[in-house]
Amino acid sequence: MPQGVAAHVEEAEPPHEPEAATCPVAWCPICIAVGAVQPVAPELIEHLLKAGTEMFLAFRSIVEQRGDDLTGRRAAEPVRLEKIDIG
C-alpha cells in the first residue's frame, strides 16, 4: 500500500455509539421517568403503561361527570357501578 493510503486507513475513527439524549429542562418529569425505566424489563414497562392508561381513563370519567353536574346535564341511562376485586 502507498504510505498515504495506509496513514488514511489508520486515522479512520471507529464508529461511535449513539449518545444518550438529554433534555434541556432541568427537572423534566418525562425525562426522569424514561431514564428511570430504561434498565427495567419490557414486561414491567408494558404493565405500567396499561396501569397509567387505566388511571387516566378514570380521571377522564371523573372530569366528565363533574362537567355534567356543573352544566345540569345527566347521563341518558343510570350509572351502574361494579365492584372489582384487586389482588
C-alpha atoms as a PDB file:
ATOM      1  CA  MET A   1       0.000   0.000   0.000  1.00  0.00           C
ATOM      2  CA  PRO A   2       1.204   3.535  -0.641  1.00  0.00           C
ATOM      3  CA  GLN A   3       2.072   5.493   2.504  1.00  0.00           C
ATOM      4  CA  GLY A   4      -0.749   7.999   2.090  1.00  0.00           C
ATOM      5  CA  VAL A   5      -3.401   5.273   1.919  1.00  0.00           C
ATOM      6  CA  ALA A   6      -2.034   3.421   4.979  1.00  0.00           C
ATOM      7  CA  ALA A   7      -1.961   6.621   7.009  1.00  0.00           C
ATOM      8  CA  HIS A   8      -5.518   7.421   5.962  1.00  0.00           C
ATOM      9  CA  VAL A   9      -6.749   3.951   6.969  1.00  0.00           C
ATOM     10  CA  GLU A  10      -5.111   4.198  10.395  1.00  0.00           C
ATOM     11  CA  GLU A  11      -6.635   7.624  11.039  1.00  0.00           C
ATOM     12  CA  ALA A  12     -10.178   6.438  10.376  1.00  0.00           C
ATOM     13  CA  GLU A  13     -12.279   6.826  13.509  1.00  0.00           C
ATOM     14  CA  PRO A  14     -14.039   3.784  14.918  1.00  0.00           C
ATOM     15  CA  PRO A  15     -17.824   4.019  14.779  1.00  0.00           C
ATOM     16  CA  HIS A  16     -19.066   5.672  17.930  1.00  0.00           C
ATOM     17  CA  GLU A  17     -22.052   4.620  19.951  1.00  0.00           C
ATOM     18  CA  PRO A  18     -25.147   6.821  19.916  1.00  0.00           C
ATOM     19  CA  GLU A  19     -25.162   9.370  22.692  1.00  0.00           C
ATOM     20  CA  ALA A  20     -27.947   9.429  25.227  1.00  0.00           C
ATOM     21  CA  ALA A  21     -30.488  12.140  24.540  1.00  0.00           C
ATOM     22  CA  THR A  22     -30.542  14.907  27.100  1.00  0.00           C
ATOM     23  CA  CYS A  23     -33.439  17.157  27.946  1.00  0.00           C
ATOM     24  CA  PRO A  24     -32.846  20.918  28.125  1.00  0.00           C
ATOM     25  CA  VAL A  25     -35.286  21.150  31.050  1.00  0.00           C
ATOM     26  CA  ALA A  26     -33.555  20.533  34.390  1.00  0.00           C
ATOM     27  CA  TRP A  27     -36.290  18.559  36.162  1.00  0.00           C
ATOM     28  CA  CYS A  28     -38.435  17.303  33.288  1.00  0.00           C
ATOM     29  CA  PRO A  29     -40.716  14.617  34.784  1.00  0.00           C
ATOM     30  CA  ILE A  30     -40.999  12.766  31.480  1.00  0.00           C
ATOM     31  CA  CYS A  31     -37.234  12.506  31.017  1.00  0.00           C
ATOM     32  CA  ILE A  32     -36.756  11.465  34.642  1.00  0.00           C
ATOM     33  CA  ALA A  33     -39.348   8.707  34.231  1.00  0.00           C
ATOM     34  CA  VAL A  34     -37.846   7.489  30.950  1.00  0.00           C
ATOM     35  CA  GLY A  35     -34.364   7.475  32.473  1.00  0.00           C
ATOM     36  CA  ALA A  36     -35.598   5.521  35.474  1.00  0.00           C
ATOM     37  CA  VAL A  37     -37.285   2.756  33.471  1.00  0.00           C
ATOM     38  CA  GLN A  38     -34.666   2.284  30.732  1.00  0.00           C
ATOM     39  CA  PRO A  39     -32.835  -0.567  32.522  1.00  0.00           C
ATOM     40  CA  VAL A  40     -36.141  -2.228  33.539  1.00  0.00           C
ATOM     41  CA  ALA A  41     -37.669  -5.266  31.829  1.00  0.00           C
ATOM     42  CA  PRO A  42     -40.082  -4.558  28.940  1.00  0.00           C
ATOM     43  CA  GLU A  43     -42.858  -6.529  30.670  1.00  0.00           C
ATOM     44  CA  LEU A  44     -42.782  -4.127  33.602  1.00  0.00           C
ATOM     45  CA  ILE A  45     -42.917  -1.101  31.315  1.00  0.00           C
ATOM     46  CA  GLU A  46     -45.912  -2.582  29.479  1.00  0.00           C
ATOM     47  CA  HIS A  47     -47.681  -3.206  32.797  1.00  0.00           C
ATOM     48  CA  LEU A  48     -47.001   0.344  33.986  1.00  0.00           C
ATOM     49  CA  LEU A  49     -48.275   1.811  30.715  1.00  0.00           C
ATOM     50  CA  LYS A  50     -51.509  -0.182  30.983  1.00  0.00           C
ATOM     51  CA  ALA A  51     -51.970   0.902  34.604  1.00  0.00           C
ATOM     52  CA  GLY A  52     -51.321   4.535  33.646  1.00  0.00           C
ATOM     53  CA  THR A  53     -53.868   4.313  30.837  1.00  0.00           C
ATOM     54  CA  GLU A  54     -56.488   2.981  33.241  1.00  0.00           C
ATOM     55  CA  MET A  55     -55.698   5.762  35.710  1.00  0.00           C
ATOM     56  CA  PHE A  56     -56.131   8.461  33.075  1.00  0.00           C
ATOM     57  CA  LEU A  57     -59.391   6.901  31.888  1.00  0.00           C
ATOM     58  CA  ALA A  58     -60.649   7.022  35.476  1.00  0.00           C
ATOM     59  CA  PHE A  59     -59.645  10.695  35.768  1.00  0.00           C
ATOM     60  CA  ARG A  60     -61.379  11.404  32.473  1.00  0.00           C
ATOM     61  CA  SER A  61     -64.643   9.868  33.673  1.00  0.00           C
ATOM     62  CA  ILE A  62     -64.448  11.903  36.899  1.00  0.00           C
ATOM     63  CA  VAL A  63     -63.898  15.129  34.970  1.00  0.00           C
ATOM     64  CA  GLU A  64     -66.723  14.336  32.534  1.00  0.00           C
ATOM     65  CA  GLN A  65     -69.092  13.535  35.397  1.00  0.00           C
ATOM     66  CA  ARG A  66     -68.186  16.761  37.172  1.00  0.00           C
ATOM     67  CA  GLY A  67     -68.715  18.695  33.948  1.00  0.00           C
ATOM     68  CA  ASP A  68     -72.157  17.117  33.536  1.00  0.00           C
ATOM     69  CA  ASP A  69     -73.012  18.056  37.134  1.00  0.00           C
ATOM     70  CA  LEU A  70     -71.992  21.672  36.567  1.00  0.00           C
ATOM     71  CA  THR A  71     -73.916  22.069  33.308  1.00  0.00           C
ATOM     72  CA  GLY A  72     -77.011  20.326  34.653  1.00  0.00           C
ATOM     73  CA  ARG A  73     -76.856  17.526  32.073  1.00  0.00           C
ATOM     74  CA  ARG A  74     -77.383  13.993  33.229  1.00  0.00           C
ATOM     75  CA  ALA A  75     -76.495  10.766  31.505  1.00  0.00           C
ATOM     76  CA  ALA A  76     -79.347   9.233  29.482  1.00  0.00           C
ATOM     77  CA  GLU A  77     -79.028   5.936  31.320  1.00  0.00           C
ATOM     78  CA  PRO A  78     -78.460   5.395  35.046  1.00  0.00           C
ATOM     79  CA  VAL A  79     -74.949   4.934  36.306  1.00  0.00           C
ATOM     80  CA  ARG A  80     -74.115   1.321  37.051  1.00  0.00           C
ATOM     81  CA  LEU A  81     -71.308   0.626  39.494  1.00  0.00           C
ATOM     82  CA  GLU A  82     -69.410  -2.627  39.517  1.00  0.00           C
ATOM     83  CA  LYS A  83     -67.139  -3.883  42.293  1.00  0.00           C
ATOM     84  CA  ILE A  84     -63.765  -5.108  41.020  1.00  0.00           C
ATOM     85  CA  ASP A  85     -61.520  -7.137  43.320  1.00  0.00           C
ATOM     86  CA  ILE A  86     -57.863  -6.216  43.006  1.00  0.00           C
ATOM     87  CA  GLY A  87     -55.384  -8.757  44.185  1.00  0.00           C
END
